Amino acid sequence: MRTNRITTSAAWYLSFLMGQASVLLGFMLAIGWMLAFALILPKGNGWATSPHATLPIEPPLIGLALGAVGLWLARWSREPIARYAVAGLIFNAIPLALVLLLAVLQMWLA
């Protein structure tokens, strides 16, 4: 079976790049937003009832998209490179869960 080495090599590099970008963004968001979540949640007179006590939902979605593209490109590569994209998906799911939990708490307590 003949395979195009340029396509598989380019898919490997792009998958590696997208996976690493997703991991770095997800790790940064997970650490930063865990600290922000700990500061926002117990707000003086109430529990995150202020309308300004929210975290944006777009950065974890961007990281999830980068990880999904990396995982999609890893299928064209014949080497095991998908682990970075999967780690990026996991790291970006943590801040997304924090955002959704904060939104649910605000709706429930407001």
PDB file of N, CA and C in Angstrom:
ATOM      1  N   MET A   1       0.827  -1.170   0.000  1.00  0.00           N
ATOM      2  CA  MET A   1       0.000   0.000   0.000  1.00  0.00           C
ATOM      3  C   MET A   1       0.877   1.241   0.000  1.00  0.00           C
ATOM      4  N   ARG A   2       0.629   2.119  -0.938  1.00  0.00           N
ATOM      5  CA  ARG A   2       1.414   3.354  -1.018  1.00  0.00           C
ATOM      6  C   ARG A   2       0.728   4.448  -0.219  1.00  0.00           C
ATOM      7  N   THR A   3       1.517   5.140   0.533  1.00  0.00           N
ATOM      8  CA  THR A   3       0.990   6.281   1.280  1.00  0.00           C
ATOM      9  C   THR A   3       1.796   7.508   0.915  1.00  0.00           C
ATOM     10  N   ASN A   4       1.186   8.619   0.979  1.00  0.00           N
ATOM     11  CA  ASN A   4       1.847   9.881   0.701  1.00  0.00           C
ATOM     12  C   ASN A   4       2.554  10.344   1.973  1.00  0.00           C
ATOM     13  N   ARG A   5       3.875  10.298   1.963  1.00  0.00           N
ATOM     14  CA  ARG A   5       4.635  10.646   3.156  1.00  0.00           C
ATOM     15  C   ARG A   5       4.523  12.118   3.509  1.00  0.00           C
ATOM     16  N   ILE A   6       4.321  12.975   2.516  1.00  0.00           N
ATOM     17  CA  ILE A   6       4.201  14.403   2.807  1.00  0.00           C
ATOM     18  C   ILE A   6       2.907  14.671   3.572  1.00  0.00           C
ATOM     19  N   THR A   7       1.831  14.033   3.174  1.00  0.00           N
ATOM     20  CA  THR A   7       0.550  14.233   3.852  1.00  0.00           C
ATOM     21  C   THR A   7       0.597  13.708   5.278  1.00  0.00           C
ATOM     22  N   THR A   8       1.135  12.509   5.482  1.00  0.00           N
ATOM     23  CA  THR A   8       1.193  11.960   6.835  1.00  0.00           C
ATOM     24  C   THR A   8       2.150  12.747   7.713  1.00  0.00           C
ATOM     25  N   SER A   9       3.249  13.229   7.148  1.00  0.00           N
ATOM     26  CA  SER A   9       4.191  14.024   7.920  1.00  0.00           C
ATOM     27  C   SER A   9       3.586  15.370   8.302  1.00  0.00           C
ATOM     28  N   ALA A  10       2.903  16.006   7.353  1.00  0.00           N
ATOM     29  CA  ALA A  10       2.253  17.284   7.654  1.00  0.00           C
ATOM     30  C   ALA A  10       1.133  17.090   8.672  1.00  0.00           C
ATOM     31  N   ALA A  11       0.384  15.998   8.563  1.00  0.00           N
ATOM     32  CA  ALA A  11      -0.676  15.719   9.531  1.00  0.00           C
ATOM     33  C   ALA A  11      -0.082  15.500  10.918  1.00  0.00           C
ATOM     34  N   TRP A  12       1.074  14.824  10.992  1.00  0.00           N
ATOM     35  CA  TRP A  12       1.719  14.607  12.282  1.00  0.00           C
ATOM     36  C   TRP A  12       2.135  15.926  12.913  1.00  0.00           C
ATOM     37  N   TYR A  13       2.774  16.801  12.129  1.00  0.00           N
ATOM     38  CA  TYR A  13       3.232  18.084  12.663  1.00  0.00           C
ATOM     39  C   TYR A  13       2.056  18.968  13.079  1.00  0.00           C
ATOM     40  N   LEU A  14       1.026  19.041  12.261  1.00  0.00           N
ATOM     41  CA  LEU A  14      -0.130  19.865  12.604  1.00  0.00           C
ATOM     42  C   LEU A  14      -0.884  19.303  13.805  1.00  0.00           C
ATOM     43  N   SER A  15      -0.996  17.987  13.887  1.00  0.00           N
ATOM     44  CA  SER A  15      -1.642  17.371  15.041  1.00  0.00           C
ATOM     45  C   SER A  15      -0.843  17.640  16.308  1.00  0.00           C
ATOM     46  N   PHE A  16       0.465  17.544  16.219  1.00  0.00           N
ATOM     47  CA  PHE A  16       1.332  17.828  17.365  1.00  0.00           C
ATOM     48  C   PHE A  16       1.189  19.283  17.790  1.00  0.00           C
ATOM     49  N   LEU A  17       1.170  20.198  16.820  1.00  0.00           N
ATOM     50  CA  LEU A  17       1.041  21.616  17.113  1.00  0.00           C
ATOM     51  C   LEU A  17      -0.306  21.936  17.758  1.00  0.00           C
ATOM     52  N   MET A  18      -1.379  21.424  17.176  1.00  0.00           N
ATOM     53  CA  MET A  18      -2.705  21.682  17.734  1.00  0.00           C
ATOM     54  C   MET A  18      -2.868  21.038  19.117  1.00  0.00           C
ATOM     55  N   GLY A  19      -2.348  19.844  19.288  1.00  0.00           N
ATOM     56  CA  GLY A  19      -2.424  19.173  20.586  1.00  0.00           C
ATOM     57  C   GLY A  19      -1.654  19.922  21.658  1.00  0.00           C
ATOM     58  N   GLN A  20      -0.443  20.373  21.324  1.00  0.00           N
ATOM     59  CA  GLN A  20       0.350  21.129  22.297  1.00  0.00           C
ATOM     60  C   GLN A  20      -0.298  22.463  22.635  1.00  0.00           C
ATOM     61  N   ALA A  21      -0.853  23.149  21.642  1.00  0.00           N
ATOM     62  CA  ALA A  21      -1.539  24.417  21.903  1.00  0.00           C
ATOM     63  C   ALA A  21      -2.745  24.185  22.805  1.00  0.00           C
ATOM     64  N   SER A  22      -3.473  23.111  22.572  1.00  0.00           N
ATOM     65  CA  SER A  22      -4.624  22.794  23.400  1.00  0.00           C
ATOM     66  C   SER A  22      -4.209  22.454  24.827  1.00  0.00           C
ATOM     67  N   VAL A  23      -3.136  21.703  24.978  1.00  0.00           N
ATOM     68  CA  VAL A  23      -2.650  21.349  26.319  1.00  0.00           C
ATOM     69  C   VAL A  23      -2.207  22.599  27.068  1.00  0.00           C
ATOM     70  N   LEU A  24      -1.437  23.449  26.423  1.00  0.00           N
ATOM     71  CA  LEU A  24      -0.946  24.649  27.111  1.00  0.00           C
ATOM     72  C   LEU A  24      -2.087  25.592  27.484  1.00  0.00           C
ATOM     73  N   LEU A  25      -3.021  25.804  26.572  1.00  0.00           N
ATOM     74  CA  LEU A  25      -4.161  26.659  26.880  1.00  0.00           C
ATOM     75  C   LEU A  25      -5.017  26.053  27.984  1.00  0.00           C
ATOM     76  N   GLY A  26      -5.264  24.762  27.903  1.00  0.00           N
ATOM     77  CA  GLY A  26      -6.079  24.092  28.916  1.00  0.00           C
ATOM     78  C   GLY A  26      -5.425  24.084  30.283  1.00  0.00           C
ATOM     79  N   PHE A  27      -4.117  23.854  30.338  1.00  0.00           N
ATOM     80  CA  PHE A  27      -3.420  23.848  31.624  1.00  0.00           C
ATOM     81  C   PHE A  27      -3.431  25.242  32.240  1.00  0.00           C
ATOM     82  N   MET A  28      -3.193  26.261  31.422  1.00  0.00           N
ATOM     83  CA  MET A  28      -3.204  27.639  31.914  1.00  0.00           C
ATOM     84  C   MET A  28      -4.601  28.011  32.424  1.00  0.00           C
ATOM     85  N   LEU A  29      -5.632  27.664  31.667  1.00  0.00           N
ATOM     86  CA  LEU A  29      -6.990  27.972  32.096  1.00  0.00           C
ATOM     87  C   LEU A  29      -7.391  27.180  33.334  1.00  0.00           C
ATOM     88  N   ALA A  30      -7.008  25.923  33.389  1.00  0.00           N
ATOM     89  CA  ALA A  30      -7.384  25.096  34.535  1.00  0.00           C
ATOM     90  C   ALA A  30      -6.780  25.638  35.823  1.00  0.00           C
ATOM     91  N   ILE A  31      -5.506  25.975  35.798  1.00  0.00           N
ATOM     92  CA  ILE A  31      -4.851  26.497  37.001  1.00  0.00           C
ATOM     93  C   ILE A  31      -5.388  27.881  37.348  1.00  0.00           C
ATOM     94  N   GLY A  32      -5.453  28.757  36.358  1.00  0.00           N
ATOM     95  CA  GLY A  32      -5.909  30.124  36.618  1.00  0.00           C
ATOM     96  C   GLY A  32      -7.350  30.199  37.045  1.00  0.00           C
ATOM     97  N   TRP A  33      -8.203  29.422  36.427  1.00  0.00           N
ATOM     98  CA  TRP A  33      -9.627  29.506  36.744  1.00  0.00           C
ATOM     99  C   TRP A  33      -9.978  28.766  38.023  1.00  0.00           C
ATOM    100  N   MET A  34      -9.166  27.789  38.423  1.00  0.00           N
ATOM    101  CA  MET A  34      -9.404  27.180  39.733  1.00  0.00           C
ATOM    102  C   MET A  34      -9.155  28.213  40.833  1.00  0.00           C
ATOM    103  N   LEU A  35      -8.100  29.009  40.674  1.00  0.00           N
ATOM    104  CA  LEU A  35      -7.841  30.066  41.646  1.00  0.00           C
ATOM    105  C   LEU A  35      -8.909  31.148  41.568  1.00  0.00           C
ATOM    106  N   ALA A  36      -9.306  31.544  40.363  1.00  0.00           N
ATOM    107  CA  ALA A  36     -10.355  32.548  40.210  1.00  0.00           C
ATOM    108  C   ALA A  36     -11.689  32.037  40.751  1.00  0.00           C
ATOM    109  N   PHE A  37     -11.967  30.764  40.539  1.00  0.00           N
ATOM    110  CA  PHE A  37     -13.200  30.173  41.038  1.00  0.00           C
ATOM    111  C   PHE A  37     -13.218  30.191  42.564  1.00  0.00           C
ATOM    112  N   ALA A  38     -12.066  29.940  43.171  1.00  0.00           N
ATOM    113  CA  ALA A  38     -11.982  29.967  44.629  1.00  0.00           C
ATOM    114  C   ALA A  38     -12.146  31.387  45.164  1.00  0.00           C
ATOM    115  N   LEU A  39     -11.777  32.389  44.397  1.00  0.00           N
ATOM    116  CA  LEU A  39     -11.945  33.771  44.833  1.00  0.00           C
ATOM    117  C   LEU A  39     -13.338  34.315  44.525  1.00  0.00           C
ATOM    118  N   ILE A  40     -13.940  33.892  43.421  1.00  0.00           N
ATOM    119  CA  ILE A  40     -15.247  34.400  43.026  1.00  0.00           C
ATOM    120  C   ILE A  40     -16.364  33.756  43.847  1.00  0.00           C
ATOM    121  N   LEU A  41     -16.259  32.473  44.090  1.00  0.00           N
ATOM    122  CA  LEU A  41     -17.380  31.750  44.692  1.00  0.00           C
ATOM    123  C   LEU A  41     -17.785  32.287  46.064  1.00  0.00           C
ATOM    124  N   PRO A  42     -16.891  32.355  47.056  1.00  0.00           N
ATOM    125  CA  PRO A  42     -17.340  32.883  48.351  1.00  0.00           C
ATOM    126  C   PRO A  42     -17.250  34.405  48.391  1.00  0.00           C
ATOM    127  N   LYS A  43     -18.146  35.086  47.727  1.00  0.00           N
ATOM    128  CA  LYS A  43     -18.158  36.539  47.627  1.00  0.00           C
ATOM    129  C   LYS A  43     -18.810  37.107  48.882  1.00  0.00           C
ATOM    130  N   GLY A  44     -18.112  37.833  49.701  1.00  0.00           N
ATOM    131  CA  GLY A  44     -18.546  38.524  50.912  1.00  0.00           C
ATOM    132  C   GLY A  44     -19.939  38.235  51.442  1.00  0.00           C
ATOM    133  N   ASN A  45     -20.965  38.867  50.888  1.00  0.00           N
ATOM    134  CA  ASN A  45     -22.301  38.740  51.442  1.00  0.00           C
ATOM    135  C   ASN A  45     -23.108  37.594  50.834  1.00  0.00           C
ATOM    136  N   GLY A  46     -22.655  36.989  49.794  1.00  0.00           N
ATOM    137  CA  GLY A  46     -23.400  35.890  49.177  1.00  0.00           C
ATOM    138  C   GLY A  46     -22.455  34.968  48.428  1.00  0.00           C
ATOM    139  N   TRP A  47     -23.021  33.971  47.790  1.00  0.00           N
ATOM    140  CA  TRP A  47     -22.211  33.014  47.041  1.00  0.00           C
ATOM    141  C   TRP A  47     -22.333  33.290  45.559  1.00  0.00           C
ATOM    142  N   ALA A  48     -21.443  34.087  45.027  1.00  0.00           N
ATOM    143  CA  ALA A  48     -21.347  34.374  43.591  1.00  0.00           C
ATOM    144  C   ALA A  48     -22.666  34.891  43.029  1.00  0.00           C
ATOM    145  N   THR A  49     -23.312  35.795  43.762  1.00  0.00           N
ATOM    146  CA  THR A  49     -24.597  36.323  43.297  1.00  0.00           C
ATOM    147  C   THR A  49     -24.438  37.620  42.524  1.00  0.00           C
ATOM    148  N   SER A  50     -23.247  38.151  42.475  1.00  0.00           N
ATOM    149  CA  SER A  50     -23.022  39.384  41.729  1.00  0.00           C
ATOM    150  C   SER A  50     -23.106  39.098  40.231  1.00  0.00           C
ATOM    151  N   PRO A  51     -23.704  40.008  39.448  1.00  0.00           N
ATOM    152  CA  PRO A  51     -23.791  39.750  37.999  1.00  0.00           C
ATOM    153  C   PRO A  51     -22.435  39.824  37.299  1.00  0.00           C
ATOM    154  N   HIS A  52     -21.447  40.440  37.950  1.00  0.00           N
ATOM    155  CA  HIS A  52     -20.127  40.563  37.337  1.00  0.00           C
ATOM    156  C   HIS A  52     -19.195  39.403  37.712  1.00  0.00           C
ATOM    157  N   ALA A  53     -19.641  38.504  38.548  1.00  0.00           N
ATOM    158  CA  ALA A  53     -18.815  37.392  38.989  1.00  0.00           C
ATOM    159  C   ALA A  53     -18.988  36.204  38.050  1.00  0.00           C
ATOM    160  N   THR A  54     -18.557  36.369  36.809  1.00  0.00           N
ATOM    161  CA  THR A  54     -18.662  35.286  35.841  1.00  0.00           C
ATOM    162  C   THR A  54     -17.314  35.054  35.180  1.00  0.00           C
ATOM    163  N   LEU A  55     -17.139  33.886  34.650  1.00  0.00           N
ATOM    164  CA  LEU A  55     -15.963  33.545  33.866  1.00  0.00           C
ATOM    165  C   LEU A  55     -16.414  33.359  32.422  1.00  0.00           C
ATOM    166  N   PRO A  56     -15.643  33.832  31.450  1.00  0.00           N
ATOM    167  CA  PRO A  56     -16.059  33.669  30.055  1.00  0.00           C
ATOM    168  C   PRO A  56     -15.997  32.207  29.615  1.00  0.00           C
ATOM    169  N   ILE A  57     -16.903  31.831  28.749  1.00  0.00           N
ATOM    170  CA  ILE A  57     -16.981  30.439  28.300  1.00  0.00           C
ATOM    171  C   ILE A  57     -16.158  30.203  27.032  1.00  0.00           C
ATOM    172  N   GLU A  58     -15.772  31.268  26.342  1.00  0.00           N
ATOM    173  CA  GLU A  58     -15.103  31.109  25.051  1.00  0.00           C
ATOM    174  C   GLU A  58     -13.704  30.484  25.120  1.00  0.00           C
ATOM    175  N   PRO A  59     -12.814  30.854  26.078  1.00  0.00           N
ATOM    176  CA  PRO A  59     -11.466  30.249  26.069  1.00  0.00           C
ATOM    177  C   PRO A  59     -11.449  28.731  26.187  1.00  0.00           C
ATOM    178  N   PRO A  60     -12.245  28.095  27.077  1.00  0.00           N
ATOM    179  CA  PRO A  60     -12.225  26.633  27.070  1.00  0.00           C
ATOM    180  C   PRO A  60     -12.784  26.035  25.782  1.00  0.00           C
ATOM    181  N   LEU A  61     -13.747  26.727  25.167  1.00  0.00           N
ATOM    182  CA  LEU A  61     -14.283  26.220  23.899  1.00  0.00           C
ATOM    183  C   LEU A  61     -13.239  26.308  22.789  1.00  0.00           C
ATOM    184  N   ILE A  62     -12.428  27.361  22.796  1.00  0.00           N
ATOM    185  CA  ILE A  62     -11.343  27.471  21.821  1.00  0.00           C
ATOM    186  C   ILE A  62     -10.331  26.354  22.038  1.00  0.00           C
ATOM    187  N   GLY A  63      -9.982  26.084  23.294  1.00  0.00           N
ATOM    188  CA  GLY A  63      -9.060  24.993  23.589  1.00  0.00           C
ATOM    189  C   GLY A  63      -9.618  23.637  23.201  1.00  0.00           C
ATOM    190  N   LEU A  64     -10.919  23.436  23.432  1.00  0.00           N
ATOM    191  CA  LEU A  64     -11.547  22.184  23.006  1.00  0.00           C
ATOM    192  C   LEU A  64     -11.531  22.044  21.492  1.00  0.00           C
ATOM    193  N   ALA A  65     -11.731  23.159  20.789  1.00  0.00           N
ATOM    194  CA  ALA A  65     -11.690  23.115  19.321  1.00  0.00           C
ATOM    195  C   ALA A  65     -10.281  22.784  18.832  1.00  0.00           C
ATOM    196  N   LEU A  66      -9.257  23.375  19.454  1.00  0.00           N
ATOM    197  CA  LEU A  66      -7.869  23.050  19.074  1.00  0.00           C
ATOM    198  C   LEU A  66      -7.571  21.569  19.316  1.00  0.00           C
ATOM    199  N   GLY A  67      -8.016  21.044  20.453  1.00  0.00           N
ATOM    200  CA  GLY A  67      -7.804  19.629  20.743  1.00  0.00           C
ATOM    201  C   GLY A  67      -8.551  18.723  19.781  1.00  0.00           C
ATOM    202  N   ALA A  68      -9.766  19.122  19.407  1.00  0.00           N
ATOM    203  CA  ALA A  68     -10.547  18.306  18.469  1.00  0.00           C
ATOM    204  C   ALA A  68      -9.910  18.304  17.088  1.00  0.00           C
ATOM    205  N   VAL A  69      -9.394  19.455  16.655  1.00  0.00           N
ATOM    206  CA  VAL A  69      -8.703  19.504  15.359  1.00  0.00           C
ATOM    207  C   VAL A  69      -7.434  18.663  15.404  1.00  0.00           C
ATOM    208  N   GLY A  70      -6.701  18.735  16.521  1.00  0.00           N
ATOM    209  CA  GLY A  70      -5.507  17.902  16.677  1.00  0.00           C
ATOM    210  C   GLY A  70      -5.829  16.421  16.660  1.00  0.00           C
ATOM    211  N   LEU A  71      -6.930  16.058  17.297  1.00  0.00           N
ATOM    212  CA  LEU A  71      -7.348  14.652  17.299  1.00  0.00           C
ATOM    213  C   LEU A  71      -7.800  14.213  15.918  1.00  0.00           C
ATOM    214  N   TRP A  72      -8.479  15.094  15.196  1.00  0.00           N
ATOM    215  CA  TRP A  72      -8.920  14.791  13.844  1.00  0.00           C
ATOM    216  C   TRP A  72      -7.726  14.629  12.906  1.00  0.00           C
ATOM    217  N   LEU A  73      -6.715  15.490  13.045  1.00  0.00           N
ATOM    218  CA  LEU A  73      -5.527  15.384  12.198  1.00  0.00           C
ATOM    219  C   LEU A  73      -4.664  14.182  12.562  1.00  0.00           C
ATOM    220  N   ALA A  74      -4.741  13.721  13.800  1.00  0.00           N
ATOM    221  CA  ALA A  74      -3.948  12.559  14.214  1.00  0.00           C
ATOM    222  C   ALA A  74      -4.407  11.291  13.516  1.00  0.00           C
ATOM    223  N   ARG A  75      -5.614  11.282  13.018  1.00  0.00           N
ATOM    224  CA  ARG A  75      -6.096  10.100  12.292  1.00  0.00           C
ATOM    225  C   ARG A  75      -5.351   9.908  10.982  1.00  0.00           C
ATOM    226  N   TRP A  76      -4.919  11.009  10.351  1.00  0.00           N
ATOM    227  CA  TRP A  76      -4.187  10.892   9.091  1.00  0.00           C
ATOM    228  C   TRP A  76      -2.736  10.499   9.305  1.00  0.00           C
ATOM    229  N   SER A  77      -2.224  10.767  10.461  1.00  0.00           N
ATOM    230  CA  SER A  77      -0.857  10.391  10.778  1.00  0.00           C
ATOM    231  C   SER A  77      -0.829   8.918  11.172  1.00  0.00           C
ATOM    232  N   ARG A  78       0.205   8.241  10.803  1.00  0.00           N
ATOM    233  CA  ARG A  78       0.300   6.814  11.109  1.00  0.00           C
ATOM    234  C   ARG A  78       1.049   6.555  12.416  1.00  0.00           C
ATOM    235  N   GLU A  79       1.301   7.602  13.191  1.00  0.00           N
ATOM    236  CA  GLU A  79       2.046   7.470  14.434  1.00  0.00           C
ATOM    237  C   GLU A  79       1.157   7.875  15.612  1.00  0.00           C
ATOM    238  N   PRO A  80       1.463   7.368  16.806  1.00  0.00           N
ATOM    239  CA  PRO A  80       0.616   7.677  17.974  1.00  0.00           C
ATOM    240  C   PRO A  80       0.865   9.093  18.503  1.00  0.00           C
ATOM    241  N   ILE A  81       0.197  10.057  17.940  1.00  0.00           N
ATOM    242  CA  ILE A  81       0.377  11.444  18.334  1.00  0.00           C
ATOM    243  C   ILE A  81      -0.869  12.007  19.001  1.00  0.00           C
ATOM    244  N   ALA A  82      -1.946  11.241  19.061  1.00  0.00           N
ATOM    245  CA  ALA A  82      -3.230  11.744  19.559  1.00  0.00           C
ATOM    246  C   ALA A  82      -3.229  11.998  21.061  1.00  0.00           C
ATOM    247  N   ARG A  83      -2.240  11.524  21.785  1.00  0.00           N
ATOM    248  CA  ARG A  83      -2.251  11.681  23.246  1.00  0.00           C
ATOM    249  C   ARG A  83      -2.197  13.139  23.673  1.00  0.00           C
ATOM    250  N   TYR A  84      -1.538  13.997  22.900  1.00  0.00           N
ATOM    251  CA  TYR A  84      -1.488  15.416  23.244  1.00  0.00           C
ATOM    252  C   TYR A  84      -2.848  16.072  23.064  1.00  0.00           C
ATOM    253  N   ALA A  85      -3.530  15.717  22.007  1.00  0.00           N
ATOM    254  CA  ALA A  85      -4.863  16.281  21.770  1.00  0.00           C
ATOM    255  C   ALA A  85      -5.848  15.811  22.835  1.00  0.00           C
ATOM    256  N   VAL A  86      -5.749  14.562  23.249  1.00  0.00           N
ATOM    257  CA  VAL A  86      -6.640  14.041  24.285  1.00  0.00           C
ATOM    258  C   VAL A  86      -6.352  14.730  25.620  1.00  0.00           C
ATOM    259  N   ALA A  87      -5.076  14.939  25.939  1.00  0.00           N
ATOM    260  CA  ALA A  87      -4.730  15.662  27.170  1.00  0.00           C
ATOM    261  C   ALA A  87      -5.249  17.097  27.117  1.00  0.00           C
ATOM    262  N   GLY A  88      -5.186  17.733  25.950  1.00  0.00           N
ATOM    263  CA  GLY A  88      -5.720  19.081  25.799  1.00  0.00           C
ATOM    264  C   GLY A  88      -7.223  19.116  25.983  1.00  0.00           C
ATOM    265  N   LEU A  89      -7.916  18.098  25.479  1.00  0.00           N
ATOM    266  CA  LEU A  89      -9.363  18.024  25.675  1.00  0.00           C
ATOM    267  C   LEU A  89      -9.712  17.877  27.152  1.00  0.00           C
ATOM    268  N   ILE A  90      -8.939  17.080  27.864  1.00  0.00           N
ATOM    269  CA  ILE A  90      -9.195  16.886  29.301  1.00  0.00           C
ATOM    270  C   ILE A  90      -8.913  18.165  30.071  1.00  0.00           C
ATOM    271  N   PHE A  91      -7.771  18.813  29.782  1.00  0.00           N
ATOM    272  CA  PHE A  91      -7.422  20.040  30.493  1.00  0.00           C
ATOM    273  C   PHE A  91      -8.400  21.171  30.196  1.00  0.00           C
ATOM    274  N   ASN A  92      -8.990  21.208  29.023  1.00  0.00           N
ATOM    275  CA  ASN A  92      -9.955  22.256  28.699  1.00  0.00           C
ATOM    276  C   ASN A  92     -11.349  21.928  29.209  1.00  0.00           C
ATOM    277  N   ALA A  93     -11.616  20.673  29.521  1.00  0.00           N
ATOM    278  CA  ALA A  93     -12.913  20.320  30.074  1.00  0.00           C
ATOM    279  C   ALA A  93     -13.042  20.784  31.524  1.00  0.00           C
ATOM    280  N   ILE A  94     -11.929  20.897  32.244  1.00  0.00           N
ATOM    281  CA  ILE A  94     -11.966  21.334  33.645  1.00  0.00           C
ATOM    282  C   ILE A  94     -12.463  22.771  33.767  1.00  0.00           C
ATOM    283  N   PRO A  95     -11.868  23.755  33.036  1.00  0.00           N
ATOM    284  CA  PRO A  95     -12.402  25.120  33.163  1.00  0.00           C
ATOM    285  C   PRO A  95     -13.820  25.258  32.611  1.00  0.00           C
ATOM    286  N   LEU A  96     -14.160  24.472  31.597  1.00  0.00           N
ATOM    287  CA  LEU A  96     -15.532  24.516  31.079  1.00  0.00           C
ATOM    288  C   LEU A  96     -16.517  24.043  32.142  1.00  0.00           C
ATOM    289  N   ALA A  97     -16.145  23.012  32.890  1.00  0.00           N
ATOM    290  CA  ALA A  97     -16.999  22.541  33.981  1.00  0.00           C
ATOM    291  C   ALA A  97     -17.120  23.601  35.076  1.00  0.00           C
ATOM    292  N   LEU A  98     -16.033  24.324  35.367  1.00  0.00           N
ATOM    293  CA  LEU A  98     -16.097  25.392  36.361  1.00  0.00           C
ATOM    294  C   LEU A  98     -17.011  26.526  35.913  1.00  0.00           C
ATOM    295  N   VAL A  99     -16.953  26.889  34.642  1.00  0.00           N
ATOM    296  CA  VAL A  99     -17.825  27.944  34.117  1.00  0.00           C
ATOM    297  C   VAL A  99     -19.284  27.526  34.222  1.00  0.00           C
ATOM    298  N   LEU A 100     -19.569  26.301  33.820  1.00  0.00           N
ATOM    299  CA  LEU A 100     -20.951  25.828  33.874  1.00  0.00           C
ATOM    300  C   LEU A 100     -21.443  25.700  35.307  1.00  0.00           C
ATOM    301  N   LEU A 101     -20.572  25.266  36.229  1.00  0.00           N
ATOM    302  CA  LEU A 101     -20.943  25.172  37.631  1.00  0.00           C
ATOM    303  C   LEU A 101     -21.223  26.552  38.214  1.00  0.00           C
ATOM    304  N   LEU A 102     -20.405  27.530  37.872  1.00  0.00           N
ATOM    305  CA  LEU A 102     -20.628  28.897  38.334  1.00  0.00           C
ATOM    306  C   LEU A 102     -21.932  29.469  37.784  1.00  0.00           C
ATOM    307  N   ALA A 103     -22.229  29.188  36.517  1.00  0.00           N
ATOM    308  CA  ALA A 103     -23.482  29.659  35.932  1.00  0.00           C
ATOM    309  C   ALA A 103     -24.691  29.014  36.605  1.00  0.00           C
ATOM    310  N   VAL A 104     -24.604  27.729  36.907  1.00  0.00           N
ATOM    311  CA  VAL A 104     -25.704  27.028  37.589  1.00  0.00           C
ATOM    312  C   VAL A 104     -25.876  27.567  39.009  1.00  0.00           C
ATOM    313  N   LEU A 105     -24.765  27.809  39.702  1.00  0.00           N
ATOM    314  CA  LEU A 105     -24.852  28.379  41.046  1.00  0.00           C
ATOM    315  C   LEU A 105     -25.464  29.766  41.033  1.00  0.00           C
ATOM    316  N   GLN A 106     -25.124  30.568  40.036  1.00  0.00           N
ATOM    317  CA  GLN A 106     -25.707  31.913  39.957  1.00  0.00           C
ATOM    318  C   GLN A 106     -27.196  31.860  39.672  1.00  0.00           C
ATOM    319  N   MET A 107     -27.633  30.945  38.824  1.00  0.00           N
ATOM    320  CA  MET A 107     -29.064  30.826  38.545  1.00  0.00           C
ATOM    321  C   MET A 107     -29.818  30.286  39.761  1.00  0.00           C
ATOM    322  N   TRP A 108     -29.193  29.369  40.484  1.00  0.00           N
ATOM    323  CA  TRP A 108     -29.833  28.744  41.620  1.00  0.00           C
ATOM    324  C   TRP A 108     -29.923  29.687  42.818  1.00  0.00           C
ATOM    325  N   LEU A 109     -28.869  30.484  43.037  1.00  0.00           N
ATOM    326  CA  LEU A 109     -28.826  31.350  44.212  1.00  0.00           C
ATOM    327  C   LEU A 109     -29.379  32.749  43.967  1.00  0.00           C
ATOM    328  N   ALA A 110     -29.572  33.121  42.738  1.00  0.00           N
ATOM    329  CA  ALA A 110     -30.062  34.482  42.460  1.00  0.00           C
ATOM    330  C   ALA A 110     -31.552  34.608  42.600  1.00  0.00           C
TER     331      ALA A 110
END
